[in-house]
Amino acid sequence: MPHEHNQRSRHRAASICCSTSCGCPPSRCCGRNLPSSPIRKAGRPARFLATIAEHEIAERSRRRIERHLVEARLPTGKTFDSFDFEAVPMISKAQMTALAAGDGWLNKGANLLLFGPPGGGKSHLAAAIGLALIENGWRVLFTRTTDLVQKLQVARRELNLEGAINRLDRFDLVILDDLAYVTKDQAETSVLFELISARYERRSLLITPPISPLENGTKVFPDPAMTLAAIDRLVHHATIVEMNVESYRRRTALERKRGPGRPPEHATQKTLA
C-alpha cells in the first residue's frame, strides 16, 4: 500500500509538471509554475509589507511637516514661486534653494542675514526660506522681533528667562523679522542679547535688518560693548545677503499712479501676465 501511494503521488506530480511545463523531473517537481504554488506567492506578502511601510513613512512625514508648519507661524502665501526674483537681481532662486537645503549651515549653528531697505522683500524671502526648510525636515519659528522680545521680558520677570530661551532650542532656525523696530530700551535689548548669545554656534538665527548690522547695531543696542558683542555673534559664520532695491510697495504705488494706459518702466513676464 505505501508503494502504491508513492507511485500515485509521483504520477500526480508528473501530470502537474507536464501541464505547467516547469521542466523538472517528475519525481522532483519544483512547483515554480504551479498555479497555486506557495513558492509563487511567497513574494506577495513581502511586497505588500514594503508598500505598507513606505505608505506609513510618507504619512508620518506628512503629519510631521503639518505640525512643524503650525508651530512655525509663517505668513501665508510667501514662497519662492511667489517671490519676484527679477526685482532683486543680486540674488537668484538657485542660491536661495541651496540655502533652503539647510545642511550647509543649520547643523553648524550659522546665521543668515537679509538686509536692505523696507519693502524690498526681506520678510517674504525669509518666510519662503523657512517654508522650504520645513519641507526639507527642519524646524523653524517665524516671529516679529518685538513680539518675541516681549515674551522673553515676561519670562525674565517670572525668573524663567533661561527656560524660555532653552525652549527655543527645539527650532533649528528662529527668524527674527523687523529687528530694527526693537526700541533702545535696556530691558528689551538685554533679553535680545541673551537670545543671540545663547544660540551662538549652537542654533541658527535669520534676521532682516533694514541696513547692514555693522551699521545698524547702535540703533538697536544702546550700550557700545553690547553692540559689538551682539554684532560679533551675529556675523560670525553668517551668510549676508544684500537686498538694496526699491521698495516693492512704493514701486507698485507708482505704477498705479501712472494709470492703466501706461506700462511699467521695467516690464517683466509677471507684470505682463
Protein backbone atom coordinates (compact mmCIF):
# COMPACT_ATOMS: atom_id res chain seq x y z
CA MET A 1 0.00 0.00 0.00
CA PRO A 2 2.72 2.56 0.79
CA HIS A 3 4.40 1.67 -2.50
CA GLU A 4 1.16 2.25 -4.44
CA HIS A 5 0.58 5.55 -2.62
CA ASN A 6 4.08 6.80 -3.54
CA GLN A 7 3.53 5.81 -7.15
CA ARG A 8 0.24 7.71 -7.28
CA SER A 9 1.95 10.79 -5.77
CA ARG A 10 4.72 10.64 -8.39
CA HIS A 11 2.19 10.26 -11.21
CA ARG A 12 0.23 13.22 -9.86
CA ALA A 13 3.36 15.39 -9.67
CA ALA A 14 4.36 14.28 -13.18
CA SER A 15 0.98 15.16 -14.63
CA ILE A 16 1.06 18.60 -12.96
CA CYS A 17 4.60 19.27 -14.16
CA CYS A 18 3.65 18.28 -17.67
CA SER A 19 0.66 20.60 -17.57
CA THR A 20 2.74 23.55 -16.31
CA SER A 21 5.99 22.77 -18.21
CA CYS A 22 8.34 23.67 -15.39
CA GLY A 23 10.94 21.29 -16.84
CA CYS A 24 11.70 19.42 -13.60
CA PRO A 25 11.93 15.62 -13.36
CA PRO A 26 8.53 14.21 -12.37
CA SER A 27 9.87 12.93 -9.06
CA ARG A 28 11.37 16.31 -8.09
CA CYS A 29 8.88 18.97 -9.21
CA CYS A 30 9.99 22.44 -8.05
CA GLY A 31 6.45 23.81 -8.05
CA ARG A 32 7.59 27.12 -9.55
CA ASN A 33 4.94 27.17 -12.25
CA LEU A 34 2.08 25.66 -10.32
CA PRO A 35 -0.99 27.95 -10.28
CA SER A 36 -1.40 27.87 -6.53
CA SER A 37 2.23 27.31 -5.56
CA PRO A 38 3.26 28.76 -2.17
CA ILE A 39 6.64 29.48 -3.76
CA ARG A 40 4.99 31.56 -6.48
CA LYS A 41 3.02 33.51 -3.89
CA ALA A 42 5.92 33.94 -1.48
CA GLY A 43 6.88 37.36 -2.88
CA ARG A 44 3.43 38.87 -2.43
CA PRO A 45 3.49 39.38 1.38
CA ALA A 46 6.96 40.91 1.18
CA ARG A 47 5.88 43.39 -1.49
CA PHE A 48 2.69 44.15 0.42
CA LEU A 49 4.60 44.83 3.66
CA ALA A 50 7.10 47.02 1.81
CA THR A 51 4.25 49.06 0.32
CA ILE A 52 2.61 49.43 3.74
CA ALA A 53 5.94 50.54 5.26
CA GLU A 54 6.51 53.11 2.51
CA HIS A 55 3.00 54.47 2.97
CA GLU A 56 3.45 54.71 6.75
CA ILE A 57 6.77 56.55 6.36
CA ALA A 58 5.22 59.01 3.88
CA GLU A 59 2.21 59.55 6.16
CA ARG A 60 4.40 60.20 9.20
CA SER A 61 6.47 62.67 7.18
CA ARG A 62 3.32 64.48 6.04
CA ARG A 63 1.97 64.73 9.59
CA ARG A 64 5.34 65.93 10.89
CA ILE A 65 5.52 68.69 8.27
CA GLU A 66 1.96 69.74 9.12
CA ARG A 67 2.85 70.03 12.82
CA HIS A 68 6.00 71.99 12.05
CA LEU A 69 4.11 74.36 9.75
CA VAL A 70 1.60 75.12 12.50
CA GLU A 71 4.28 75.84 15.11
CA ALA A 72 6.37 77.91 12.65
CA ARG A 73 3.70 80.64 12.31
CA LEU A 74 4.85 81.55 8.83
CA PRO A 75 2.91 84.24 6.94
CA THR A 76 0.74 82.62 4.29
CA GLY A 77 1.48 82.75 0.59
CA LYS A 78 5.18 83.55 0.96
CA THR A 79 7.01 81.05 -1.24
CA PHE A 80 9.90 81.06 -3.70
CA ASP A 81 7.39 80.76 -6.55
CA SER A 82 5.56 83.92 -5.47
CA PHE A 83 8.77 85.92 -4.90
CA ASP A 84 9.77 88.24 -7.74
CA PHE A 85 13.46 87.38 -8.18
CA GLU A 86 13.65 89.65 -11.23
CA ALA A 87 13.05 92.63 -8.97
CA VAL A 88 16.04 91.63 -6.79
CA PRO A 89 18.75 90.89 -9.37
CA MET A 90 21.54 90.46 -6.81
CA ILE A 91 20.10 87.09 -5.70
CA SER A 92 18.80 84.07 -7.58
CA LYS A 93 16.25 81.37 -6.90
CA ALA A 94 19.02 78.76 -7.22
CA GLN A 95 21.02 80.42 -4.44
CA MET A 96 18.02 80.57 -2.12
CA THR A 97 17.03 76.98 -2.91
CA ALA A 98 20.55 75.88 -1.99
CA LEU A 99 20.28 77.74 1.33
CA ALA A 100 16.91 76.07 1.93
CA ALA A 101 18.60 72.66 1.97
CA GLY A 102 19.87 73.75 5.38
CA ASP A 103 22.56 71.16 5.94
CA GLY A 104 25.38 73.51 4.97
CA TRP A 105 24.71 75.99 7.79
CA LEU A 106 21.93 74.95 10.18
CA ASN A 107 23.83 71.97 11.51
CA LYS A 108 26.71 74.35 12.29
CA GLY A 109 24.57 76.95 14.07
CA ALA A 110 25.43 79.59 11.45
CA ASN A 111 23.23 82.62 10.80
CA LEU A 112 21.59 84.16 7.74
CA LEU A 113 21.23 87.94 7.44
CA LEU A 114 18.97 89.53 4.83
CA PHE A 115 19.35 93.28 4.85
CA GLY A 116 18.02 96.06 2.68
CA PRO A 117 15.58 98.99 2.78
CA PRO A 118 11.93 98.44 3.83
CA GLY A 119 9.68 96.97 1.15
CA GLY A 120 12.46 95.11 -0.65
CA GLY A 121 11.06 91.63 0.03
CA LYS A 122 13.19 90.60 3.01
CA SER A 123 10.27 89.25 5.07
CA HIS A 124 8.81 87.45 2.05
CA LEU A 125 12.15 85.80 1.26
CA ALA A 126 12.76 84.90 4.91
CA ALA A 127 9.34 83.22 5.12
CA ALA A 128 9.93 81.39 1.82
CA ILE A 129 13.26 80.07 3.10
CA GLY A 130 11.56 78.98 6.32
CA LEU A 131 8.84 77.12 4.42
CA ALA A 132 11.36 75.31 2.22
CA LEU A 133 13.43 74.34 5.27
CA ILE A 134 10.37 72.83 6.96
CA GLU A 135 9.62 70.84 3.81
CA ASN A 136 13.21 69.59 3.99
CA GLY A 137 12.74 68.35 7.55
CA TRP A 138 13.98 71.28 9.69
CA ARG A 139 12.06 73.07 12.45
CA VAL A 140 11.56 76.82 12.10
CA LEU A 141 9.94 79.65 14.07
CA PHE A 142 8.98 82.91 12.35
CA THR A 143 8.31 85.84 14.66
CA ARG A 144 8.43 89.60 14.79
CA THR A 145 11.40 90.52 16.93
CA THR A 146 9.32 92.81 19.15
CA ASP A 147 6.80 90.02 19.87
CA LEU A 148 9.50 87.56 20.93
CA VAL A 149 11.32 90.20 22.99
CA GLN A 150 8.11 90.96 24.89
CA LYS A 151 7.62 87.25 25.67
CA LEU A 152 11.21 86.99 26.87
CA GLN A 153 10.74 90.04 29.08
CA VAL A 154 7.73 88.38 30.70
CA ALA A 155 9.82 85.25 31.25
CA ARG A 156 12.54 87.36 32.89
CA ARG A 157 10.04 88.94 35.27
CA GLU A 158 8.89 85.43 36.16
CA LEU A 159 12.53 84.40 36.69
CA ASN A 160 12.30 81.94 33.80
CA LEU A 161 14.29 83.63 31.02
CA GLU A 162 16.79 80.79 30.72
CA GLY A 163 13.98 78.25 30.42
CA ALA A 164 12.19 80.32 27.77
CA ILE A 165 15.36 80.62 25.70
CA ASN A 166 16.12 76.91 26.11
CA ARG A 167 12.66 76.01 24.80
CA LEU A 168 13.55 77.80 21.57
CA ASP A 169 16.35 75.26 21.09
CA ARG A 170 13.84 72.88 19.54
CA PHE A 171 13.87 75.15 16.50
CA ASP A 172 16.81 74.74 14.15
CA LEU A 173 16.13 78.29 12.92
CA VAL A 174 14.45 81.28 14.55
CA ILE A 175 13.55 84.03 12.05
CA LEU A 176 13.59 87.45 13.74
CA ASP A 177 11.67 89.75 11.41
CA ASP A 178 11.79 93.55 11.69
CA LEU A 179 14.78 93.60 14.00
CA ALA A 180 15.13 97.38 13.69
CA TYR A 181 11.81 98.02 15.43
CA VAL A 182 13.14 96.92 18.81
CA THR A 183 13.36 100.05 20.96
CA LYS A 184 16.62 101.14 22.53
CA ASP A 185 15.35 100.08 25.93
CA GLN A 186 17.78 98.32 28.24
CA ALA A 187 15.24 95.70 29.27
CA GLU A 188 14.32 94.81 25.66
CA THR A 189 17.82 94.81 24.23
CA SER A 190 19.27 92.81 27.11
CA VAL A 191 16.89 89.85 26.57
CA LEU A 192 17.57 90.04 22.82
CA PHE A 193 21.29 89.90 23.54
CA GLU A 194 20.73 86.91 25.84
CA LEU A 195 18.93 85.11 22.98
CA ILE A 196 21.70 85.87 20.48
CA SER A 197 24.37 84.74 22.92
CA ALA A 198 22.55 81.55 23.88
CA ARG A 199 22.13 80.43 20.26
CA TYR A 200 25.63 81.41 19.15
CA GLU A 201 27.28 78.48 17.30
CA ARG A 202 24.51 76.16 18.52
CA ARG A 203 21.25 77.15 16.80
CA SER A 204 20.73 79.48 13.87
CA LEU A 205 19.10 82.88 13.53
CA LEU A 206 17.78 84.64 10.44
CA ILE A 207 17.37 88.40 10.81
CA THR A 208 16.02 91.06 8.43
CA PRO A 209 17.50 94.46 9.39
CA PRO A 210 16.98 97.46 7.08
CA ILE A 211 20.73 98.07 6.80
CA SER A 212 23.85 96.08 7.50
CA PRO A 213 24.19 95.01 11.16
CA LEU A 214 27.63 96.57 11.15
CA GLU A 215 25.92 99.94 10.67
CA ASN A 216 22.62 99.17 12.40
CA GLY A 217 23.87 97.75 15.69
CA THR A 218 23.94 101.01 17.60
CA LYS A 219 20.31 101.67 16.61
CA VAL A 220 19.20 98.51 18.46
CA PHE A 221 21.68 98.11 21.33
CA PRO A 222 22.29 101.30 23.32
CA ASP A 223 25.40 100.01 25.04
CA PRO A 224 28.53 100.08 22.82
CA ALA A 225 30.02 96.96 24.41
CA MET A 226 26.75 95.05 23.97
CA THR A 227 26.53 96.29 20.38
CA LEU A 228 29.98 94.94 19.49
CA ALA A 229 29.35 91.63 21.23
CA ALA A 230 25.96 91.13 19.54
CA ILE A 231 27.25 92.03 16.07
CA ASP A 232 30.25 89.76 16.52
CA ARG A 233 28.00 86.79 17.33
CA LEU A 234 25.55 87.54 14.52
CA VAL A 235 28.03 87.96 11.67
CA HIS A 236 30.50 85.24 12.69
CA HIS A 237 29.83 82.21 10.42
CA ALA A 238 26.96 84.18 8.84
CA THR A 239 25.79 84.37 5.24
CA ILE A 240 24.94 88.00 4.49
CA VAL A 241 22.55 88.77 1.62
CA GLU A 242 22.26 92.36 0.49
CA MET A 243 18.89 93.38 -1.00
CA ASN A 244 19.33 97.05 -1.83
CA VAL A 245 16.37 97.50 -4.15
CA GLU A 246 13.49 99.93 -4.45
CA SER A 247 10.53 99.26 -2.18
CA TYR A 248 8.04 96.91 -3.82
CA ARG A 249 5.17 98.80 -2.18
CA ARG A 250 6.47 102.14 -3.45
CA ARG A 251 7.04 100.71 -6.93
CA THR A 252 3.51 99.29 -7.02
CA ALA A 253 2.03 102.61 -5.86
CA LEU A 254 3.89 104.48 -8.61
CA GLU A 255 2.67 102.01 -11.23
CA ARG A 256 -0.92 102.50 -10.08
CA LYS A 257 -0.44 106.26 -10.21
CA ARG A 258 0.72 106.07 -13.81
CA GLY A 259 -2.63 104.55 -14.70
CA PRO A 260 -3.66 101.55 -16.82
CA GLY A 261 -2.74 103.21 -20.12
CA ARG A 262 0.96 103.41 -19.31
CA PRO A 263 3.08 100.26 -18.93
CA PRO A 264 5.55 99.85 -16.06
CA GLU A 265 9.09 101.04 -16.56
CA HIS A 266 10.58 97.57 -16.40
CA ALA A 267 8.02 95.17 -17.81
CA THR A 268 8.52 91.52 -16.87
CA GLN A 269 6.68 88.36 -17.73
CA LYS A 270 4.93 88.54 -14.36
CA THR A 271 3.73 92.12 -14.84
CA LEU A 272 2.56 91.39 -18.35
CA ALA A 273 0.61 88.24 -17.40
